[in-house]
Amino acid sequence: MKLCILENDDLAPEATQKYHGYGSMVERVFREAGAKDWQFEVFHTPVFEYPASFDGYDAVLLTGSKADSFSDEPWVVELRKRVSELLEQKKKLLGICFGHQLIAICLGAKVGRAPQGWGVGRMSYDWHAADLLSAPEDNKLSLLVSHRDQVFELPENAILLASNAHCPVAGYAVGEEVFCVQGHPEFVEEYSAFLMGRRREALGEDLYTSAVKSLEHGHDGLDVTRMMIAFVEGK
């Protein structure tokens, strides 16, 4: 399998030596989840970097970003154009956080700043797709998150994958073409804590403290990645 990763952000300079980039973080978790023989190619969309053609890829994954998926920034506008074309071609798409939101916009759903504010740390969800490989037996699943934008409605023809009170559309799928989650299966606790430390003032002390403490309980990023792998492989 060959995965095209559209990397939609840069890491903070002090994090690059350890984590390299969001594309590298995605590749690491996919390999840990079993995609050892896959090929990965990363393209950095904020500088308009794309493959000459998507035809040679089995799927395209959109990473997270601190940018707004509904932004009028030229690179985001171009990314939405490219994703809309991929949807028309029925190319398999995977979306994480910003990617989840941007794909939803291209599918006609509403996305915007969440009135309930930031979602950070570890969040637990009801999982609604029990038939997927690696789905939790108790229909509960947790992921590390970092977002203040949300998908407000399920895209047309989509099924709901994950939800909770803070984020009612935390995951969705469309047929055999689209699989998206609001959380970050590629994050590790240390990186999540690093991001929250950079936003501590914006989050407020109460939210920051409780979210950092939530990291003690682990998350299901590997299981969600296994679902993505099975989705691309047609299982």
C-alpha atoms as a PDB file:
ATOM      1  CA  MET A   1       0.000   0.000   0.000  1.00  0.00           C
ATOM      2  CA  LYS A   2       1.139   3.528  -0.747  1.00  0.00           C
ATOM      3  CA  LEU A   3      -0.108   6.446   1.369  1.00  0.00           C
ATOM      4  CA  CYS A   4       0.127  10.107   0.385  1.00  0.00           C
ATOM      5  CA  ILE A   5       0.314  12.293   3.497  1.00  0.00           C
ATOM      6  CA  LEU A   6      -0.738  15.911   3.027  1.00  0.00           C
ATOM      7  CA  GLU A   7       1.028  17.628   5.918  1.00  0.00           C
ATOM      8  CA  ASN A   8      -0.848  20.794   6.829  1.00  0.00           C
ATOM      9  CA  ASP A   9       1.320  22.427   9.492  1.00  0.00           C
ATOM     10  CA  ASP A  10       4.838  22.888  10.849  1.00  0.00           C
ATOM     11  CA  LEU A  11       5.905  21.773  14.289  1.00  0.00           C
ATOM     12  CA  ALA A  12       7.181  24.363  16.752  1.00  0.00           C
ATOM     13  CA  PRO A  13      10.976  24.658  16.292  1.00  0.00           C
ATOM     14  CA  GLU A  14      11.707  23.189  19.719  1.00  0.00           C
ATOM     15  CA  ALA A  15       9.727  20.033  18.850  1.00  0.00           C
ATOM     16  CA  THR A  16      11.215  19.250  15.449  1.00  0.00           C
ATOM     17  CA  GLN A  17      14.329  17.425  16.660  1.00  0.00           C
ATOM     18  CA  LYS A  18      12.255  14.833  18.523  1.00  0.00           C
ATOM     19  CA  TYR A  19       9.084  14.591  16.387  1.00  0.00           C
ATOM     20  CA  HIS A  20      10.375  15.842  12.985  1.00  0.00           C
ATOM     21  CA  GLY A  21       6.935  16.694  11.560  1.00  0.00           C
ATOM     22  CA  TYR A  22       3.294  15.692  11.517  1.00  0.00           C
ATOM     23  CA  GLY A  23       3.902  13.493   8.500  1.00  0.00           C
ATOM     24  CA  SER A  24       6.607  11.634  10.404  1.00  0.00           C
ATOM     25  CA  MET A  25       4.299  11.230  13.392  1.00  0.00           C
ATOM     26  CA  VAL A  26       1.640   9.694  11.142  1.00  0.00           C
ATOM     27  CA  GLU A  27       4.123   7.326   9.536  1.00  0.00           C
ATOM     28  CA  ARG A  28       5.390   6.216  12.970  1.00  0.00           C
ATOM     29  CA  VAL A  29       1.940   5.323  14.313  1.00  0.00           C
ATOM     30  CA  PHE A  30       0.948   3.540  11.081  1.00  0.00           C
ATOM     31  CA  ARG A  31       4.074   1.384  11.239  1.00  0.00           C
ATOM     32  CA  GLU A  32       3.491   0.672  14.938  1.00  0.00           C
ATOM     33  CA  ALA A  33      -0.092  -0.330  14.100  1.00  0.00           C
ATOM     34  CA  GLY A  34       1.017  -2.878  11.519  1.00  0.00           C
ATOM     35  CA  ALA A  35       1.587  -1.019   8.222  1.00  0.00           C
ATOM     36  CA  LYS A  36       5.243  -2.083   8.150  1.00  0.00           C
ATOM     37  CA  ASP A  37       5.389  -2.768   4.406  1.00  0.00           C
ATOM     38  CA  TRP A  38       3.537   0.391   3.360  1.00  0.00           C
ATOM     39  CA  GLN A  39       5.178   3.247   1.494  1.00  0.00           C
ATOM     40  CA  PHE A  40       4.683   6.800   2.766  1.00  0.00           C
ATOM     41  CA  GLU A  41       5.266  10.077   0.939  1.00  0.00           C
ATOM     42  CA  VAL A  42       4.787  13.452   2.625  1.00  0.00           C
ATOM     43  CA  PHE A  43       3.844  16.718   0.897  1.00  0.00           C
ATOM     44  CA  HIS A  44       3.766  20.062   2.739  1.00  0.00           C
ATOM     45  CA  THR A  45       0.618  21.876   1.642  1.00  0.00           C
ATOM     46  CA  PRO A  46       1.261  25.316   3.250  1.00  0.00           C
ATOM     47  CA  VAL A  47       3.956  25.797   0.579  1.00  0.00           C
ATOM     48  CA  PHE A  48       1.664  24.330  -2.126  1.00  0.00           C
ATOM     49  CA  GLU A  49       3.587  21.062  -2.299  1.00  0.00           C
ATOM     50  CA  TYR A  50       1.566  18.256  -3.907  1.00  0.00           C
ATOM     51  CA  PRO A  51       2.341  15.129  -5.933  1.00  0.00           C
ATOM     52  CA  ALA A  52       2.224  15.510  -9.694  1.00  0.00           C
ATOM     53  CA  SER A  53      -0.599  12.949  -9.604  1.00  0.00           C
ATOM     54  CA  PHE A  54      -2.521  11.127  -6.884  1.00  0.00           C
ATOM     55  CA  ASP A  55      -3.140   8.148  -9.154  1.00  0.00           C
ATOM     56  CA  GLY A  56      -0.321   6.042  -7.745  1.00  0.00           C
ATOM     57  CA  TYR A  57      -1.561   6.205  -4.156  1.00  0.00           C
ATOM     58  CA  ASP A  58      -3.980   3.827  -2.474  1.00  0.00           C
ATOM     59  CA  ALA A  59      -5.156   6.608  -0.135  1.00  0.00           C
ATOM     60  CA  VAL A  60      -4.519  10.221   0.858  1.00  0.00           C
ATOM     61  CA  LEU A  61      -4.305  11.334   4.495  1.00  0.00           C
ATOM     62  CA  LEU A  62      -4.783  14.920   5.681  1.00  0.00           C
ATOM     63  CA  THR A  63      -3.014  15.803   8.926  1.00  0.00           C
ATOM     64  CA  GLY A  64      -4.026  18.270  11.587  1.00  0.00           C
ATOM     65  CA  SER A  65      -3.159  21.969  11.552  1.00  0.00           C
ATOM     66  CA  LYS A  66      -3.434  25.061  13.710  1.00  0.00           C
ATOM     67  CA  ALA A  67      -5.077  26.756  10.704  1.00  0.00           C
ATOM     68  CA  ASP A  68      -8.847  26.942  10.273  1.00  0.00           C
ATOM     69  CA  SER A  69     -10.209  24.496   7.710  1.00  0.00           C
ATOM     70  CA  PHE A  70     -12.718  27.184   6.626  1.00  0.00           C
ATOM     71  CA  SER A  71      -9.991  29.824   6.227  1.00  0.00           C
ATOM     72  CA  ASP A  72      -9.550  31.972   3.124  1.00  0.00           C
ATOM     73  CA  GLU A  73      -5.775  31.552   3.267  1.00  0.00           C
ATOM     74  CA  PRO A  74      -4.676  30.716  -0.287  1.00  0.00           C
ATOM     75  CA  TRP A  75      -3.069  27.398   0.656  1.00  0.00           C
ATOM     76  CA  VAL A  76      -6.230  26.259   2.504  1.00  0.00           C
ATOM     77  CA  VAL A  77      -8.398  27.277  -0.460  1.00  0.00           C
ATOM     78  CA  GLU A  78      -6.114  25.242  -2.736  1.00  0.00           C
ATOM     79  CA  LEU A  79      -6.274  22.265  -0.373  1.00  0.00           C
ATOM     80  CA  ARG A  80     -10.079  22.321  -0.388  1.00  0.00           C
ATOM     81  CA  LYS A  81      -9.992  22.413  -4.189  1.00  0.00           C
ATOM     82  CA  ARG A  82      -7.672  19.401  -4.313  1.00  0.00           C
ATOM     83  CA  VAL A  83      -9.744  17.445  -1.794  1.00  0.00           C
ATOM     84  CA  SER A  84     -12.961  18.168  -3.702  1.00  0.00           C
ATOM     85  CA  GLU A  85     -11.336  16.733  -6.813  1.00  0.00           C
ATOM     86  CA  LEU A  86     -10.215  13.635  -4.910  1.00  0.00           C
ATOM     87  CA  LEU A  87     -13.751  13.141  -3.613  1.00  0.00           C
ATOM     88  CA  GLU A  88     -15.077  13.310  -7.166  1.00  0.00           C
ATOM     89  CA  GLN A  89     -12.522  10.659  -8.162  1.00  0.00           C
ATOM     90  CA  LYS A  90     -13.567   8.509  -5.144  1.00  0.00           C
ATOM     91  CA  LYS A  91      -9.978   8.356  -3.923  1.00  0.00           C
ATOM     92  CA  LYS A  92      -9.789   6.946  -0.396  1.00  0.00           C
ATOM     93  CA  LEU A  93      -9.337   9.806   2.073  1.00  0.00           C
ATOM     94  CA  LEU A  94      -8.318   9.772   5.736  1.00  0.00           C
ATOM     95  CA  GLY A  95      -8.711  12.903   7.849  1.00  0.00           C
ATOM     96  CA  ILE A  96      -7.300  13.827  11.257  1.00  0.00           C
ATOM     97  CA  CYS A  97      -8.513  16.919  13.182  1.00  0.00           C
ATOM     98  CA  PHE A  98      -8.125  19.796  10.653  1.00  0.00           C
ATOM     99  CA  GLY A  99      -8.225  17.144   7.908  1.00  0.00           C
ATOM    100  CA  HIS A 100     -11.458  15.715   9.345  1.00  0.00           C
ATOM    101  CA  GLN A 101     -12.957  19.203   9.283  1.00  0.00           C
ATOM    102  CA  LEU A 102     -11.736  20.184   5.829  1.00  0.00           C
ATOM    103  CA  ILE A 103     -13.021  16.997   4.221  1.00  0.00           C
ATOM    104  CA  ALA A 104     -16.396  17.613   5.904  1.00  0.00           C
ATOM    105  CA  ILE A 105     -16.525  21.097   4.352  1.00  0.00           C
ATOM    106  CA  CYS A 106     -15.806  19.609   0.932  1.00  0.00           C
ATOM    107  CA  LEU A 107     -18.683  17.184   1.545  1.00  0.00           C
ATOM    108  CA  GLY A 108     -21.016  20.131   2.210  1.00  0.00           C
ATOM    109  CA  ALA A 109     -21.136  20.033   6.020  1.00  0.00           C
ATOM    110  CA  LYS A 110     -20.903  23.050   8.333  1.00  0.00           C
ATOM    111  CA  VAL A 111     -17.671  23.555  10.270  1.00  0.00           C
ATOM    112  CA  GLY A 112     -16.731  26.389  12.603  1.00  0.00           C
ATOM    113  CA  ARG A 113     -15.448  27.605  15.933  1.00  0.00           C
ATOM    114  CA  ALA A 114     -17.033  25.501  18.680  1.00  0.00           C
ATOM    115  CA  PRO A 115     -19.069  27.537  21.187  1.00  0.00           C
ATOM    116  CA  GLN A 116     -18.029  25.072  23.896  1.00  0.00           C
ATOM    117  CA  GLY A 117     -14.396  26.099  23.432  1.00  0.00           C
ATOM    118  CA  TRP A 118     -11.178  24.130  23.333  1.00  0.00           C
ATOM    119  CA  GLY A 119     -11.000  20.364  23.401  1.00  0.00           C
ATOM    120  CA  VAL A 120      -7.587  19.320  24.737  1.00  0.00           C
ATOM    121  CA  GLY A 121      -5.905  16.400  26.470  1.00  0.00           C
ATOM    122  CA  ARG A 122      -7.552  12.990  26.447  1.00  0.00           C
ATOM    123  CA  MET A 123     -11.201  12.711  25.419  1.00  0.00           C
ATOM    124  CA  SER A 124     -13.445   9.652  25.564  1.00  0.00           C
ATOM    125  CA  TYR A 125     -16.099   8.953  22.949  1.00  0.00           C
ATOM    126  CA  ASP A 126     -18.999   6.656  22.257  1.00  0.00           C
ATOM    127  CA  TRP A 127     -17.924   4.511  19.300  1.00  0.00           C
ATOM    128  CA  HIS A 128     -20.796   3.754  16.915  1.00  0.00           C
ATOM    129  CA  ALA A 129     -19.169   1.374  14.414  1.00  0.00           C
ATOM    130  CA  ALA A 130     -18.807  -1.889  16.301  1.00  0.00           C
ATOM    131  CA  ASP A 131     -18.361  -3.892  13.083  1.00  0.00           C
ATOM    132  CA  LEU A 132     -14.987  -2.327  12.204  1.00  0.00           C
ATOM    133  CA  LEU A 133     -11.769  -4.239  12.840  1.00  0.00           C
ATOM    134  CA  SER A 134     -10.180  -3.196  16.165  1.00  0.00           C
ATOM    135  CA  ALA A 135     -13.415  -1.540  17.309  1.00  0.00           C
ATOM    136  CA  PRO A 136     -13.698  -1.417  21.117  1.00  0.00           C
ATOM    137  CA  GLU A 137     -15.820  -4.175  22.642  1.00  0.00           C
ATOM    138  CA  ASP A 138     -17.412  -1.769  25.131  1.00  0.00           C
ATOM    139  CA  ASN A 139     -18.129   0.851  22.417  1.00  0.00           C
ATOM    140  CA  LYS A 140     -15.945   3.376  24.241  1.00  0.00           C
ATOM    141  CA  LEU A 141     -12.783   4.884  22.824  1.00  0.00           C
ATOM    142  CA  SER A 142     -10.333   7.613  23.869  1.00  0.00           C
ATOM    143  CA  LEU A 143      -8.032   9.826  21.807  1.00  0.00           C
ATOM    144  CA  LEU A 144      -5.694  12.739  22.425  1.00  0.00           C
ATOM    145  CA  VAL A 145      -7.181  15.962  21.065  1.00  0.00           C
ATOM    146  CA  SER A 146      -6.275  19.585  20.410  1.00  0.00           C
ATOM    147  CA  HIS A 147      -8.976  21.633  18.690  1.00  0.00           C
ATOM    148  CA  ARG A 148     -11.346  24.572  19.028  1.00  0.00           C
ATOM    149  CA  ASP A 149     -13.112  24.056  15.673  1.00  0.00           C
ATOM    150  CA  GLN A 150     -15.650  21.309  15.061  1.00  0.00           C
ATOM    151  CA  VAL A 151     -17.779  19.643  12.417  1.00  0.00           C
ATOM    152  CA  PHE A 152     -21.316  20.761  13.304  1.00  0.00           C
ATOM    153  CA  GLU A 153     -23.277  18.227  11.275  1.00  0.00           C
ATOM    154  CA  LEU A 154     -22.804  14.842   9.717  1.00  0.00           C
ATOM    155  CA  PRO A 155     -21.943  15.115   6.001  1.00  0.00           C
ATOM    156  CA  GLU A 156     -24.521  13.756   3.568  1.00  0.00           C
ATOM    157  CA  ASN A 157     -24.404   9.946   3.229  1.00  0.00           C
ATOM    158  CA  ALA A 158     -21.948   9.699   6.137  1.00  0.00           C
ATOM    159  CA  ILE A 159     -22.247   7.393   9.123  1.00  0.00           C
ATOM    160  CA  LEU A 160     -21.287   8.577  12.593  1.00  0.00           C
ATOM    161  CA  LEU A 161     -18.211   6.872  14.036  1.00  0.00           C
ATOM    162  CA  ALA A 162     -17.594   8.701  17.310  1.00  0.00           C
ATOM    163  CA  SER A 163     -19.324  11.279  19.495  1.00  0.00           C
ATOM    164  CA  ASN A 164     -19.438  12.808  22.953  1.00  0.00           C
ATOM    165  CA  ALA A 165     -21.140  15.780  24.592  1.00  0.00           C
ATOM    166  CA  HIS A 166     -18.296  18.169  23.742  1.00  0.00           C
ATOM    167  CA  CYS A 167     -17.951  17.026  20.119  1.00  0.00           C
ATOM    168  CA  PRO A 168     -21.076  15.347  18.686  1.00  0.00           C
ATOM    169  CA  VAL A 169     -19.396  14.604  15.317  1.00  0.00           C
ATOM    170  CA  ALA A 170     -15.988  13.317  16.395  1.00  0.00           C
ATOM    171  CA  GLY A 171     -15.661  10.782  13.588  1.00  0.00           C
ATOM    172  CA  TYR A 172     -17.475   9.832  10.398  1.00  0.00           C
ATOM    173  CA  ALA A 173     -17.125   7.638   7.332  1.00  0.00           C
ATOM    174  CA  VAL A 174     -18.604   7.790   3.847  1.00  0.00           C
ATOM    175  CA  GLY A 175     -18.857   4.476   2.033  1.00  0.00           C
ATOM    176  CA  GLU A 176     -15.460   3.010   1.228  1.00  0.00           C
ATOM    177  CA  GLU A 177     -13.978   6.411   0.390  1.00  0.00           C
ATOM    178  CA  VAL A 178     -13.748   8.534   3.571  1.00  0.00           C
ATOM    179  CA  PHE A 179     -12.686   7.829   7.161  1.00  0.00           C
ATOM    180  CA  CYS A 180     -12.162  10.808   9.486  1.00  0.00           C
ATOM    181  CA  VAL A 181     -11.612  11.442  13.187  1.00  0.00           C
ATOM    182  CA  GLN A 182     -11.394  14.648  15.200  1.00  0.00           C
ATOM    183  CA  GLY A 183      -8.783  13.216  17.589  1.00  0.00           C
ATOM    184  CA  HIS A 184      -5.102  12.580  16.957  1.00  0.00           C
ATOM    185  CA  PRO A 185      -4.190   8.888  16.832  1.00  0.00           C
ATOM    186  CA  GLU A 186      -0.614   9.908  15.986  1.00  0.00           C
ATOM    187  CA  PHE A 187      -0.100  11.980  19.163  1.00  0.00           C
ATOM    188  CA  VAL A 188       1.779  10.765  22.205  1.00  0.00           C
ATOM    189  CA  GLU A 189       1.116  12.110  25.698  1.00  0.00           C
ATOM    190  CA  GLU A 190       4.346  14.090  25.863  1.00  0.00           C
ATOM    191  CA  TYR A 191       3.562  15.975  22.666  1.00  0.00           C
ATOM    192  CA  SER A 192      -0.001  16.655  23.798  1.00  0.00           C
ATOM    193  CA  ALA A 193       1.350  18.132  27.036  1.00  0.00           C
ATOM    194  CA  PHE A 194       3.830  20.231  25.041  1.00  0.00           C
ATOM    195  CA  LEU A 195       1.047  21.741  22.925  1.00  0.00           C
ATOM    196  CA  MET A 196      -1.072  22.519  25.970  1.00  0.00           C
ATOM    197  CA  GLY A 197       1.904  24.177  27.649  1.00  0.00           C
ATOM    198  CA  ARG A 198       2.222  26.542  24.691  1.00  0.00           C
ATOM    199  CA  ARG A 199      -1.488  27.432  24.980  1.00  0.00           C
ATOM    200  CA  ARG A 200      -1.740  27.461  28.771  1.00  0.00           C
ATOM    201  CA  GLU A 201      -2.853  31.083  29.032  1.00  0.00           C
ATOM    202  CA  ALA A 202      -5.459  30.714  26.271  1.00  0.00           C
ATOM    203  CA  LEU A 203      -6.835  27.522  27.823  1.00  0.00           C
ATOM    204  CA  GLY A 204      -7.087  28.887  31.343  1.00  0.00           C
ATOM    205  CA  GLU A 205      -5.587  27.231  34.385  1.00  0.00           C
ATOM    206  CA  ASP A 206      -8.533  24.991  35.250  1.00  0.00           C
ATOM    207  CA  LEU A 207      -8.822  23.443  31.790  1.00  0.00           C
ATOM    208  CA  TYR A 208      -5.049  23.186  31.417  1.00  0.00           C
ATOM    209  CA  THR A 209      -4.633  21.386  34.740  1.00  0.00           C
ATOM    210  CA  SER A 210      -7.473  18.906  34.200  1.00  0.00           C
ATOM    211  CA  ALA A 211      -6.421  18.193  30.603  1.00  0.00           C
ATOM    212  CA  VAL A 212      -2.807  17.498  31.564  1.00  0.00           C
ATOM    213  CA  LYS A 213      -4.009  15.155  34.308  1.00  0.00           C
ATOM    214  CA  SER A 214      -6.194  13.310  31.789  1.00  0.00           C
ATOM    215  CA  LEU A 215      -3.061  12.188  29.946  1.00  0.00           C
ATOM    216  CA  GLU A 216      -2.357   9.704  32.742  1.00  0.00           C
ATOM    217  CA  HIS A 217      -5.069   7.356  31.467  1.00  0.00           C
ATOM    218  CA  GLY A 218      -3.725   6.360  28.045  1.00  0.00           C
ATOM    219  CA  HIS A 219      -5.505   6.462  24.689  1.00  0.00           C
ATOM    220  CA  ASP A 220      -6.583   4.268  21.782  1.00  0.00           C
ATOM    221  CA  GLY A 221      -4.596   5.849  18.967  1.00  0.00           C
ATOM    222  CA  LEU A 222      -3.146   2.535  17.820  1.00  0.00           C
ATOM    223  CA  ASP A 223      -6.594   0.936  17.574  1.00  0.00           C
ATOM    224  CA  VAL A 224      -7.938   3.852  15.527  1.00  0.00           C
ATOM    225  CA  THR A 225      -4.892   3.641  13.268  1.00  0.00           C
ATOM    226  CA  ARG A 226      -5.533  -0.090  12.797  1.00  0.00           C
ATOM    227  CA  MET A 227      -9.066   0.810  11.680  1.00  0.00           C
ATOM    228  CA  MET A 228      -7.605   3.274   9.165  1.00  0.00           C
ATOM    229  CA  ILE A 229      -5.216   0.622   7.872  1.00  0.00           C
ATOM    230  CA  ALA A 230      -8.059  -1.886   7.472  1.00  0.00           C
ATOM    231  CA  PHE A 231     -10.166   0.784   5.751  1.00  0.00           C
ATOM    232  CA  VAL A 232      -7.450   1.475   3.164  1.00  0.00           C
ATOM    233  CA  GLU A 233      -6.843  -2.230   2.647  1.00  0.00           C
ATOM    234  CA  GLY A 234     -10.538  -2.823   2.034  1.00  0.00           C
ATOM    235  CA  LYS A 235     -11.099  -4.995   5.094  1.00  0.00           C
END
